[in-house]
Amino acid sequence: MVKVIGVRFKKAGKIYYFDPGLTVIQKGDNVIVETARGIEFGECVTDIKEIKDEEVIAPLKPVIRKSTIEDEEKHKELQLKEKEAFNICLEKIKQHNLIMKLIDVEYTFDSNKVIFYFTADGRVDFRELVKDLAAIFRTRIELRQIGVRDESKMVGGLGPCGRPLCCSSFLGDFAPVSIKMAKEQNLSLNPSKISGICGRLMCCLNYEQEAYEDIRKRLPKVGSIVKTPDGEGEVVSNSVIKEIVKVKIKVNEDEIIKDYKLKNVTLVSGGYEGTINEEEIKIEIIDEDVDIKEIKELFEEN
């Protein structure tokens, strides 16, 4: 077992482990640590805890110190410099007629490197841009191309639900999501209904997927024959959320459709819903103007 603290460098950013050593550090304290990028200013988001050796990505680097008043002031100054650097880079991008969108700028705490994050549809030849920026800032320059999900995480905004984006609020890492999840949750496969503002499948599709998978394993397929308190009947439809099975049964020679709780029906013949094979999913295009390319991108989502 190894004693560590969890440090985050950005709001909703990934948590990295560091060795606290003999330094007394509590959750909420700001610390100065050494990373692969250089000296960084971060926030301790976990108390000192013990984790298994295999959970540590070697080498486990030590905490240099708890932040001082001077460190806090320097951090604020760097945030102001980042805003200035952002505007300067925008102007240089325009001068070089580069087709790229600048998203964010970061200074390492030791000011030995400035990182510019951008998005672009393809490869961008930014060699001349780097030369100009290096001449202005007189330090190491790194231009890093990011994806649309990372862009949304950095910029933030409101999701279709009206709440702040999960990725920019609390999600440290992006969990894999697929079109199969939407289908298994009985959602429309219209891209406009299941995509976030990044244009990719919404991360929240993953939140309840485990519960849906568990329920679907116990739900009889439509057309199956089940035993109910009122006798045997044919399954007409299912409600995964309510765990309700609609069954067509005979009562006094009349056929009626009645709702039963899942726990009150037993499969006689047929099968269970289970998981859906992605190859069997049919696209449900509600809006005729939906872009086919957009649909294909959703199917390729990982």
C-alpha atoms as a PDB file:
ATOM      1  CA  MET A   1       0.000   0.000   0.000  1.00  0.00           C
ATOM      2  CA  VAL A   2       1.158   3.544  -0.792  1.00  0.00           C
ATOM      3  CA  LYS A   3       0.136   6.819   0.841  1.00  0.00           C
ATOM      4  CA  VAL A   4      -1.008   9.417  -1.683  1.00  0.00           C
ATOM      5  CA  ILE A   5      -3.062  12.542  -2.178  1.00  0.00           C
ATOM      6  CA  GLY A   6      -5.197  13.324  -5.228  1.00  0.00           C
ATOM      7  CA  VAL A   7      -4.372  16.582  -7.012  1.00  0.00           C
ATOM      8  CA  ARG A   8      -6.438  18.293  -9.677  1.00  0.00           C
ATOM      9  CA  PHE A   9      -5.088  21.116 -11.856  1.00  0.00           C
ATOM     10  CA  LYS A  10      -8.342  22.226 -13.448  1.00  0.00           C
ATOM     11  CA  LYS A  11     -11.951  22.236 -12.375  1.00  0.00           C
ATOM     12  CA  ALA A  12     -13.397  18.802 -13.245  1.00  0.00           C
ATOM     13  CA  GLY A  13      -9.952  17.792 -14.465  1.00  0.00           C
ATOM     14  CA  LYS A  14      -8.367  14.385 -14.055  1.00  0.00           C
ATOM     15  CA  ILE A  15      -7.065  13.527 -10.580  1.00  0.00           C
ATOM     16  CA  TYR A  16      -3.363  12.662 -10.319  1.00  0.00           C
ATOM     17  CA  TYR A  17      -1.681  10.971  -7.360  1.00  0.00           C
ATOM     18  CA  PHE A  18       1.344  12.412  -5.566  1.00  0.00           C
ATOM     19  CA  ASP A  19       3.393  11.392  -2.554  1.00  0.00           C
ATOM     20  CA  PRO A  20       2.656  13.778   0.365  1.00  0.00           C
ATOM     21  CA  GLY A  21       5.817  12.695   2.200  1.00  0.00           C
ATOM     22  CA  LEU A  22       5.965  14.244   5.665  1.00  0.00           C
ATOM     23  CA  THR A  23       3.958  17.293   4.624  1.00  0.00           C
ATOM     24  CA  VAL A  24       0.606  17.617   6.412  1.00  0.00           C
ATOM     25  CA  ILE A  25      -1.898  18.176   3.610  1.00  0.00           C
ATOM     26  CA  GLN A  26      -5.681  18.236   3.803  1.00  0.00           C
ATOM     27  CA  LYS A  27      -8.405  18.228   1.203  1.00  0.00           C
ATOM     28  CA  GLY A  28      -8.840  21.766  -0.153  1.00  0.00           C
ATOM     29  CA  ASP A  29      -5.193  22.773   0.284  1.00  0.00           C
ATOM     30  CA  ASN A  30      -3.303  24.115  -2.723  1.00  0.00           C
ATOM     31  CA  VAL A  31       0.032  22.458  -3.453  1.00  0.00           C
ATOM     32  CA  ILE A  32       3.060  22.834  -5.700  1.00  0.00           C
ATOM     33  CA  VAL A  33       4.049  19.622  -7.487  1.00  0.00           C
ATOM     34  CA  GLU A  34       6.345  18.473 -10.283  1.00  0.00           C
ATOM     35  CA  THR A  35       4.727  16.900 -13.340  1.00  0.00           C
ATOM     36  CA  ALA A  36       5.886  15.771 -16.772  1.00  0.00           C
ATOM     37  CA  ARG A  37       5.098  19.295 -17.994  1.00  0.00           C
ATOM     38  CA  GLY A  38       7.061  21.016 -15.243  1.00  0.00           C
ATOM     39  CA  ILE A  39       6.250  22.642 -11.921  1.00  0.00           C
ATOM     40  CA  GLU A  40       2.465  22.969 -11.473  1.00  0.00           C
ATOM     41  CA  PHE A  41       0.017  24.600  -9.064  1.00  0.00           C
ATOM     42  CA  GLY A  42      -2.878  22.312  -8.102  1.00  0.00           C
ATOM     43  CA  GLU A  43      -5.599  21.675  -5.556  1.00  0.00           C
ATOM     44  CA  CYS A  44      -5.641  18.673  -3.239  1.00  0.00           C
ATOM     45  CA  VAL A  45      -9.076  17.083  -3.714  1.00  0.00           C
ATOM     46  CA  THR A  46      -8.639  14.037  -1.453  1.00  0.00           C
ATOM     47  CA  ASP A  47      -7.285  13.568   2.035  1.00  0.00           C
ATOM     48  CA  ILE A  48      -4.164  11.441   2.472  1.00  0.00           C
ATOM     49  CA  LYS A  49      -5.146   7.833   1.746  1.00  0.00           C
ATOM     50  CA  GLU A  50      -3.604   4.472   1.009  1.00  0.00           C
ATOM     51  CA  ILE A  51      -3.984   2.777  -2.380  1.00  0.00           C
ATOM     52  CA  LYS A  52      -2.635  -0.444  -3.871  1.00  0.00           C
ATOM     53  CA  ASP A  53       0.774  -0.342  -5.546  1.00  0.00           C
ATOM     54  CA  GLU A  54      -0.703  -1.358  -8.929  1.00  0.00           C
ATOM     55  CA  GLU A  55      -2.972   1.719  -8.919  1.00  0.00           C
ATOM     56  CA  VAL A  56       0.053   4.022  -8.969  1.00  0.00           C
ATOM     57  CA  ILE A  57       1.444   5.171 -12.302  1.00  0.00           C
ATOM     58  CA  ALA A  58       5.191   5.121 -11.730  1.00  0.00           C
ATOM     59  CA  PRO A  59       7.109   7.119 -10.853  1.00  0.00           C
ATOM     60  CA  LEU A  60       5.071   8.564  -7.957  1.00  0.00           C
ATOM     61  CA  LYS A  61       6.402  12.088  -7.601  1.00  0.00           C
ATOM     62  CA  PRO A  62       6.494  13.906  -4.256  1.00  0.00           C
ATOM     63  CA  VAL A  63       4.682  17.108  -3.322  1.00  0.00           C
ATOM     64  CA  ILE A  64       7.197  19.954  -3.356  1.00  0.00           C
ATOM     65  CA  ARG A  65       5.310  22.050  -0.795  1.00  0.00           C
ATOM     66  CA  LYS A  66       2.004  23.470   0.261  1.00  0.00           C
ATOM     67  CA  SER A  67       1.345  26.708  -1.566  1.00  0.00           C
ATOM     68  CA  THR A  68       2.378  29.947   0.089  1.00  0.00           C
ATOM     69  CA  ILE A  69       0.835  33.421  -0.185  1.00  0.00           C
ATOM     70  CA  GLU A  70       3.470  34.216  -2.824  1.00  0.00           C
ATOM     71  CA  ASP A  71       2.472  31.085  -4.769  1.00  0.00           C
ATOM     72  CA  GLU A  72      -1.191  32.095  -4.672  1.00  0.00           C
ATOM     73  CA  GLU A  73      -0.357  35.580  -5.988  1.00  0.00           C
ATOM     74  CA  LYS A  74       1.841  34.156  -8.738  1.00  0.00           C
ATOM     75  CA  HIS A  75      -0.955  31.790  -9.773  1.00  0.00           C
ATOM     76  CA  LYS A  76      -3.353  34.736 -10.146  1.00  0.00           C
ATOM     77  CA  GLU A  77      -0.750  36.663 -12.167  1.00  0.00           C
ATOM     78  CA  LEU A  78      -0.325  33.688 -14.506  1.00  0.00           C
ATOM     79  CA  GLN A  79      -4.093  33.535 -15.053  1.00  0.00           C
ATOM     80  CA  LEU A  80      -3.987  37.167 -16.223  1.00  0.00           C
ATOM     81  CA  LYS A  81      -1.002  36.413 -18.471  1.00  0.00           C
ATOM     82  CA  GLU A  82      -2.947  33.488 -19.987  1.00  0.00           C
ATOM     83  CA  LYS A  83      -5.733  35.860 -21.043  1.00  0.00           C
ATOM     84  CA  GLU A  84      -3.203  38.203 -22.659  1.00  0.00           C
ATOM     85  CA  ALA A  85      -1.491  35.292 -24.395  1.00  0.00           C
ATOM     86  CA  PHE A  86      -4.853  34.109 -25.712  1.00  0.00           C
ATOM     87  CA  ASN A  87      -5.536  37.453 -27.412  1.00  0.00           C
ATOM     88  CA  ILE A  88      -2.008  37.645 -28.840  1.00  0.00           C
ATOM     89  CA  CYS A  89      -2.281  34.130 -30.274  1.00  0.00           C
ATOM     90  CA  LEU A  90      -5.650  34.959 -31.856  1.00  0.00           C
ATOM     91  CA  GLU A  91      -4.078  37.873 -33.705  1.00  0.00           C
ATOM     92  CA  LYS A  92      -1.182  35.726 -34.924  1.00  0.00           C
ATOM     93  CA  ILE A  93      -3.557  33.036 -36.158  1.00  0.00           C
ATOM     94  CA  LYS A  94      -5.383  35.648 -38.219  1.00  0.00           C
ATOM     95  CA  GLN A  95      -2.119  37.015 -39.612  1.00  0.00           C
ATOM     96  CA  HIS A  96      -1.063  33.535 -40.785  1.00  0.00           C
ATOM     97  CA  ASN A  97      -4.557  32.724 -42.118  1.00  0.00           C
ATOM     98  CA  LEU A  98      -4.611  29.449 -40.240  1.00  0.00           C
ATOM     99  CA  ILE A  99      -7.864  27.476 -40.123  1.00  0.00           C
ATOM    100  CA  MET A 100      -7.859  26.621 -36.441  1.00  0.00           C
ATOM    101  CA  LYS A 101      -9.894  27.574 -33.388  1.00  0.00           C
ATOM    102  CA  LEU A 102      -7.992  28.604 -30.258  1.00  0.00           C
ATOM    103  CA  ILE A 103      -9.660  27.175 -27.143  1.00  0.00           C
ATOM    104  CA  ASP A 104      -7.452  27.815 -24.130  1.00  0.00           C
ATOM    105  CA  VAL A 105      -3.977  28.836 -22.961  1.00  0.00           C
ATOM    106  CA  GLU A 106      -2.010  27.487 -20.009  1.00  0.00           C
ATOM    107  CA  TYR A 107       1.229  28.622 -18.378  1.00  0.00           C
ATOM    108  CA  THR A 108       3.152  26.104 -16.314  1.00  0.00           C
ATOM    109  CA  PHE A 109       3.742  27.444 -12.817  1.00  0.00           C
ATOM    110  CA  ASP A 110       7.469  27.903 -13.453  1.00  0.00           C
ATOM    111  CA  SER A 111       6.647  29.810 -16.703  1.00  0.00           C
ATOM    112  CA  ASN A 112       8.960  27.493 -18.634  1.00  0.00           C
ATOM    113  CA  LYS A 113       6.224  26.547 -21.078  1.00  0.00           C
ATOM    114  CA  VAL A 114       3.061  28.032 -22.579  1.00  0.00           C
ATOM    115  CA  ILE A 115       0.521  25.557 -23.940  1.00  0.00           C
ATOM    116  CA  PHE A 116      -2.031  26.633 -26.545  1.00  0.00           C
ATOM    117  CA  TYR A 117      -5.014  24.326 -27.039  1.00  0.00           C
ATOM    118  CA  PHE A 118      -6.863  24.427 -30.357  1.00  0.00           C
ATOM    119  CA  THR A 119      -9.289  22.497 -32.544  1.00  0.00           C
ATOM    120  CA  ALA A 120      -9.114  22.011 -36.308  1.00  0.00           C
ATOM    121  CA  ASP A 121     -10.706  19.759 -38.905  1.00  0.00           C
ATOM    122  CA  GLY A 122      -7.369  18.374 -40.039  1.00  0.00           C
ATOM    123  CA  ARG A 123      -3.630  18.887 -39.720  1.00  0.00           C
ATOM    124  CA  VAL A 124      -2.404  22.472 -39.416  1.00  0.00           C
ATOM    125  CA  ASP A 125       1.050  23.713 -40.356  1.00  0.00           C
ATOM    126  CA  PHE A 126       1.703  26.058 -37.446  1.00  0.00           C
ATOM    127  CA  ARG A 127       5.510  26.165 -37.589  1.00  0.00           C
ATOM    128  CA  GLU A 128       5.617  29.880 -38.417  1.00  0.00           C
ATOM    129  CA  LEU A 129       3.040  30.564 -35.704  1.00  0.00           C
ATOM    130  CA  VAL A 130       5.221  28.804 -33.131  1.00  0.00           C
ATOM    131  CA  LYS A 131       8.235  30.899 -34.181  1.00  0.00           C
ATOM    132  CA  ASP A 132       6.263  34.122 -33.719  1.00  0.00           C
ATOM    133  CA  LEU A 133       4.915  33.057 -30.331  1.00  0.00           C
ATOM    134  CA  ALA A 134       8.357  31.953 -29.128  1.00  0.00           C
ATOM    135  CA  ALA A 135       9.793  35.345 -30.117  1.00  0.00           C
ATOM    136  CA  ILE A 136       7.052  37.151 -28.175  1.00  0.00           C
ATOM    137  CA  PHE A 137       6.925  35.036 -24.999  1.00  0.00           C
ATOM    138  CA  ARG A 138      10.588  33.945 -24.990  1.00  0.00           C
ATOM    139  CA  THR A 139       9.807  30.521 -23.547  1.00  0.00           C
ATOM    140  CA  ARG A 140       8.917  27.045 -24.777  1.00  0.00           C
ATOM    141  CA  ILE A 141       5.739  26.962 -26.859  1.00  0.00           C
ATOM    142  CA  GLU A 142       3.474  23.942 -27.291  1.00  0.00           C
ATOM    143  CA  LEU A 143       0.428  23.856 -29.568  1.00  0.00           C
ATOM    144  CA  ARG A 144      -1.840  20.956 -28.723  1.00  0.00           C
ATOM    145  CA  GLN A 145      -4.767  19.897 -30.917  1.00  0.00           C
ATOM    146  CA  ILE A 146      -7.749  18.599 -28.938  1.00  0.00           C
ATOM    147  CA  GLY A 147     -11.079  16.961 -29.788  1.00  0.00           C
ATOM    148  CA  VAL A 148     -14.592  18.373 -29.582  1.00  0.00           C
ATOM    149  CA  ARG A 149     -15.279  16.686 -26.233  1.00  0.00           C
ATOM    150  CA  ASP A 150     -12.219  18.325 -24.672  1.00  0.00           C
ATOM    151  CA  GLU A 151     -13.280  21.640 -26.194  1.00  0.00           C
ATOM    152  CA  SER A 152     -16.665  21.453 -24.472  1.00  0.00           C
ATOM    153  CA  LYS A 153     -14.970  20.492 -21.200  1.00  0.00           C
ATOM    154  CA  MET A 154     -12.692  23.540 -21.331  1.00  0.00           C
ATOM    155  CA  VAL A 155     -15.231  26.077 -22.588  1.00  0.00           C
ATOM    156  CA  GLY A 156     -18.246  24.854 -20.603  1.00  0.00           C
ATOM    157  CA  GLY A 157     -21.879  25.705 -21.246  1.00  0.00           C
ATOM    158  CA  LEU A 158     -25.376  24.350 -20.722  1.00  0.00           C
ATOM    159  CA  GLY A 159     -26.502  20.919 -21.863  1.00  0.00           C
ATOM    160  CA  PRO A 160     -29.869  19.973 -23.407  1.00  0.00           C
ATOM    161  CA  CYS A 161     -31.134  19.369 -19.860  1.00  0.00           C
ATOM    162  CA  GLY A 162     -30.528  23.021 -18.984  1.00  0.00           C
ATOM    163  CA  ARG A 163     -27.808  22.253 -16.442  1.00  0.00           C
ATOM    164  CA  PRO A 164     -24.061  23.025 -16.689  1.00  0.00           C
ATOM    165  CA  LEU A 165     -22.190  20.444 -18.758  1.00  0.00           C
ATOM    166  CA  CYS A 166     -21.229  17.331 -16.798  1.00  0.00           C
ATOM    167  CA  CYS A 167     -17.769  17.278 -18.386  1.00  0.00           C
ATOM    168  CA  SER A 168     -16.968  20.802 -17.217  1.00  0.00           C
ATOM    169  CA  SER A 169     -18.628  20.369 -13.801  1.00  0.00           C
ATOM    170  CA  PHE A 170     -17.534  17.069 -12.298  1.00  0.00           C
ATOM    171  CA  LEU A 171     -16.490  14.428 -14.852  1.00  0.00           C
ATOM    172  CA  GLY A 172     -12.762  13.806 -14.531  1.00  0.00           C
ATOM    173  CA  ASP A 173     -12.613  11.371 -17.460  1.00  0.00           C
ATOM    174  CA  PHE A 174     -14.831  10.680 -20.447  1.00  0.00           C
ATOM    175  CA  ALA A 175     -16.562   7.305 -20.144  1.00  0.00           C
ATOM    176  CA  PRO A 176     -17.155   5.298 -23.336  1.00  0.00           C
ATOM    177  CA  VAL A 177     -20.665   5.720 -24.771  1.00  0.00           C
ATOM    178  CA  SER A 178     -22.294   4.039 -27.770  1.00  0.00           C
ATOM    179  CA  ILE A 179     -25.407   4.224 -29.899  1.00  0.00           C
ATOM    180  CA  LYS A 180     -26.398   0.850 -28.421  1.00  0.00           C
ATOM    181  CA  MET A 181     -26.895   2.502 -25.033  1.00  0.00           C
ATOM    182  CA  ALA A 182     -29.444   4.909 -26.508  1.00  0.00           C
ATOM    183  CA  LYS A 183     -31.357   2.055 -28.140  1.00  0.00           C
ATOM    184  CA  GLU A 184     -31.364  -0.077 -24.992  1.00  0.00           C
ATOM    185  CA  GLN A 185     -32.777   2.899 -23.078  1.00  0.00           C
ATOM    186  CA  ASN A 186     -35.598   3.222 -25.644  1.00  0.00           C
ATOM    187  CA  LEU A 187     -34.405   6.650 -26.789  1.00  0.00           C
ATOM    188  CA  SER A 188     -34.967   8.043 -30.245  1.00  0.00           C
ATOM    189  CA  LEU A 189     -31.955   7.535 -32.484  1.00  0.00           C
ATOM    190  CA  ASN A 190     -32.376  11.001 -33.918  1.00  0.00           C
ATOM    191  CA  PRO A 191     -28.890  12.575 -33.483  1.00  0.00           C
ATOM    192  CA  SER A 192     -30.381  15.895 -32.352  1.00  0.00           C
ATOM    193  CA  LYS A 193     -32.016  14.111 -29.400  1.00  0.00           C
ATOM    194  CA  ILE A 194     -29.052  12.134 -28.097  1.00  0.00           C
ATOM    195  CA  SER A 195     -26.100  14.416 -28.878  1.00  0.00           C
ATOM    196  CA  GLY A 196     -24.521  16.953 -26.551  1.00  0.00           C
ATOM    197  CA  ILE A 197     -23.335  20.403 -27.575  1.00  0.00           C
ATOM    198  CA  CYS A 198     -20.030  18.817 -28.608  1.00  0.00           C
ATOM    199  CA  GLY A 199     -21.880  16.934 -31.347  1.00  0.00           C
ATOM    200  CA  ARG A 200     -21.044  13.555 -29.806  1.00  0.00           C
ATOM    201  CA  LEU A 201     -23.265  11.170 -27.861  1.00  0.00           C
ATOM    202  CA  MET A 202     -24.244  12.573 -24.468  1.00  0.00           C
ATOM    203  CA  CYS A 203     -22.063  11.352 -21.598  1.00  0.00           C
ATOM    204  CA  CYS A 204     -25.152  10.880 -19.404  1.00  0.00           C
ATOM    205  CA  LEU A 205     -26.193   7.875 -21.531  1.00  0.00           C
ATOM    206  CA  ASN A 206     -23.677   5.952 -19.453  1.00  0.00           C
ATOM    207  CA  TYR A 207     -25.088   6.919 -16.036  1.00  0.00           C
ATOM    208  CA  GLU A 208     -28.027   4.488 -15.903  1.00  0.00           C
ATOM    209  CA  GLN A 209     -26.807   1.954 -18.458  1.00  0.00           C
ATOM    210  CA  GLU A 210     -25.912  -0.648 -15.835  1.00  0.00           C
ATOM    211  CA  ALA A 211     -29.454  -0.522 -14.403  1.00  0.00           C
ATOM    212  CA  TYR A 212     -30.998  -0.836 -17.876  1.00  0.00           C
ATOM    213  CA  GLU A 213     -28.801  -3.827 -18.697  1.00  0.00           C
ATOM    214  CA  ASP A 214     -29.817  -5.560 -15.453  1.00  0.00           C
ATOM    215  CA  ILE A 215     -33.545  -4.985 -16.048  1.00  0.00           C
ATOM    216  CA  ARG A 216     -33.417  -6.027 -19.702  1.00  0.00           C
ATOM    217  CA  LYS A 217     -31.904  -9.370 -18.692  1.00  0.00           C
ATOM    218  CA  ARG A 218     -35.112 -10.061 -16.738  1.00  0.00           C
ATOM    219  CA  LEU A 219     -37.646  -8.567 -19.175  1.00  0.00           C
ATOM    220  CA  PRO A 220     -39.365 -11.065 -21.498  1.00  0.00           C
ATOM    221  CA  LYS A 221     -39.227 -10.213 -25.204  1.00  0.00           C
ATOM    222  CA  VAL A 222     -42.312  -8.978 -27.016  1.00  0.00           C
ATOM    223  CA  GLY A 223     -44.148 -12.044 -28.335  1.00  0.00           C
ATOM    224  CA  SER A 224     -42.967 -14.308 -25.517  1.00  0.00           C
ATOM    225  CA  ILE A 225     -45.472 -16.313 -23.485  1.00  0.00           C
ATOM    226  CA  VAL A 226     -45.469 -15.583 -19.772  1.00  0.00           C
ATOM    227  CA  LYS A 227     -47.335 -16.791 -16.721  1.00  0.00           C
ATOM    228  CA  THR A 228     -49.208 -14.100 -14.744  1.00  0.00           C
ATOM    229  CA  PRO A 229     -51.463 -14.183 -11.667  1.00  0.00           C
ATOM    230  CA  ASP A 230     -54.382 -14.232 -14.138  1.00  0.00           C
ATOM    231  CA  GLY A 231     -53.024 -17.013 -16.323  1.00  0.00           C
ATOM    232  CA  GLU A 232     -50.754 -17.282 -19.348  1.00  0.00           C
ATOM    233  CA  GLY A 233     -50.561 -14.574 -21.973  1.00  0.00           C
ATOM    234  CA  GLU A 234     -48.474 -12.968 -24.707  1.00  0.00           C
ATOM    235  CA  VAL A 235     -46.127 -10.049 -24.019  1.00  0.00           C
ATOM    236  CA  VAL A 236     -47.224  -6.956 -25.971  1.00  0.00           C
ATOM    237  CA  SER A 237     -44.734  -4.364 -24.738  1.00  0.00           C
ATOM    238  CA  ASN A 238     -42.349  -3.532 -21.899  1.00  0.00           C
ATOM    239  CA  SER A 239     -41.479  -0.508 -19.794  1.00  0.00           C
ATOM    240  CA  VAL A 240     -37.879  -0.738 -18.625  1.00  0.00           C
ATOM    241  CA  ILE A 241     -38.123   2.297 -16.342  1.00  0.00           C
ATOM    242  CA  LYS A 242     -41.300   1.147 -14.567  1.00  0.00           C
ATOM    243  CA  GLU A 243     -40.379  -2.556 -14.810  1.00  0.00           C
ATOM    244  CA  ILE A 244     -43.868  -3.181 -16.176  1.00  0.00           C
ATOM    245  CA  VAL A 245     -44.863  -5.864 -18.679  1.00  0.00           C
ATOM    246  CA  LYS A 246     -47.979  -5.454 -20.836  1.00  0.00           C
ATOM    247  CA  VAL A 247     -49.552  -8.856 -21.406  1.00  0.00           C
ATOM    248  CA  LYS A 248     -52.469  -9.921 -23.631  1.00  0.00           C
ATOM    249  CA  ILE A 249     -54.509 -12.513 -21.748  1.00  0.00           C
ATOM    250  CA  LYS A 250     -57.903 -14.159 -22.069  1.00  0.00           C
ATOM    251  CA  VAL A 251     -60.501 -13.332 -19.436  1.00  0.00           C
ATOM    252  CA  ASN A 252     -63.956 -14.915 -19.858  1.00  0.00           C
ATOM    253  CA  GLU A 253     -63.251 -15.598 -23.549  1.00  0.00           C
ATOM    254  CA  ASP A 254     -62.313 -11.943 -24.081  1.00  0.00           C
ATOM    255  CA  GLU A 255     -58.766 -10.805 -24.844  1.00  0.00           C
ATOM    256  CA  ILE A 256     -57.576  -7.890 -22.726  1.00  0.00           C
ATOM    257  CA  ILE A 257     -54.222  -6.161 -22.266  1.00  0.00           C
ATOM    258  CA  LYS A 258     -53.138  -5.793 -18.668  1.00  0.00           C
ATOM    259  CA  ASP A 259     -50.071  -4.379 -16.917  1.00  0.00           C
ATOM    260  CA  TYR A 260     -48.058  -6.580 -14.566  1.00  0.00           C
ATOM    261  CA  LYS A 261     -45.031  -5.889 -12.448  1.00  0.00           C
ATOM    262  CA  LEU A 262     -41.950  -7.685 -13.720  1.00  0.00           C
ATOM    263  CA  LYS A 263     -41.626  -9.665 -10.490  1.00  0.00           C
ATOM    264  CA  ASN A 264     -45.126 -11.070 -10.993  1.00  0.00           C
ATOM    265  CA  VAL A 265     -44.527 -12.659 -14.413  1.00  0.00           C
ATOM    266  CA  THR A 266     -42.630 -15.837 -15.265  1.00  0.00           C
ATOM    267  CA  LEU A 267     -41.311 -16.724 -18.708  1.00  0.00           C
ATOM    268  CA  VAL A 268     -42.954 -19.816 -20.197  1.00  0.00           C
ATOM    269  CA  SER A 269     -41.591 -19.672 -23.749  1.00  0.00           C
ATOM    270  CA  GLY A 270     -39.643 -17.156 -25.796  1.00  0.00           C
ATOM    271  CA  GLY A 271     -36.674 -15.223 -24.473  1.00  0.00           C
ATOM    272  CA  TYR A 272     -35.445 -12.182 -22.583  1.00  0.00           C
ATOM    273  CA  GLU A 273     -34.656  -8.725 -23.959  1.00  0.00           C
ATOM    274  CA  GLY A 274     -30.965  -8.882 -23.044  1.00  0.00           C
ATOM    275  CA  THR A 275     -28.496  -6.669 -24.903  1.00  0.00           C
ATOM    276  CA  ILE A 276     -28.988  -5.286 -28.391  1.00  0.00           C
ATOM    277  CA  ASN A 277     -26.675  -6.170 -31.246  1.00  0.00           C
ATOM    278  CA  GLU A 278     -25.477  -2.914 -32.825  1.00  0.00           C
ATOM    279  CA  GLU A 279     -25.750  -4.452 -36.285  1.00  0.00           C
ATOM    280  CA  GLU A 280     -29.479  -4.922 -35.733  1.00  0.00           C
ATOM    281  CA  ILE A 281     -30.108  -1.283 -34.836  1.00  0.00           C
ATOM    282  CA  LYS A 282     -32.114   0.555 -37.451  1.00  0.00           C
ATOM    283  CA  ILE A 283     -31.722   4.299 -37.731  1.00  0.00           C
ATOM    284  CA  GLU A 284     -34.900   6.153 -36.807  1.00  0.00           C
ATOM    285  CA  ILE A 285     -34.676   9.379 -38.772  1.00  0.00           C
ATOM    286  CA  ILE A 286     -37.420  11.646 -37.500  1.00  0.00           C
ATOM    287  CA  ASP A 287     -36.194  14.767 -39.259  1.00  0.00           C
ATOM    288  CA  GLU A 288     -35.647  14.337 -42.999  1.00  0.00           C
ATOM    289  CA  ASP A 289     -32.931  17.001 -42.877  1.00  0.00           C
ATOM    290  CA  VAL A 290     -30.729  14.943 -40.533  1.00  0.00           C
ATOM    291  CA  ASP A 291     -27.207  14.646 -41.938  1.00  0.00           C
ATOM    292  CA  ILE A 292     -26.297  11.039 -42.783  1.00  0.00           C
ATOM    293  CA  LYS A 293     -22.649  11.818 -41.979  1.00  0.00           C
ATOM    294  CA  GLU A 294     -23.713  12.892 -38.485  1.00  0.00           C
ATOM    295  CA  ILE A 295     -25.514   9.585 -37.981  1.00  0.00           C
ATOM    296  CA  LYS A 296     -22.453   7.607 -39.091  1.00  0.00           C
ATOM    297  CA  GLU A 297     -20.278   9.528 -36.621  1.00  0.00           C
ATOM    298  CA  LEU A 298     -22.622   8.526 -33.800  1.00  0.00           C
ATOM    299  CA  PHE A 299     -22.283   4.861 -34.752  1.00  0.00           C
ATOM    300  CA  GLU A 300     -18.498   5.196 -34.728  1.00  0.00           C
ATOM    301  CA  GLU A 301     -18.536   6.814 -31.282  1.00  0.00           C
ATOM    302  CA  ASN A 302     -16.469   5.091 -28.597  1.00  0.00           C
END
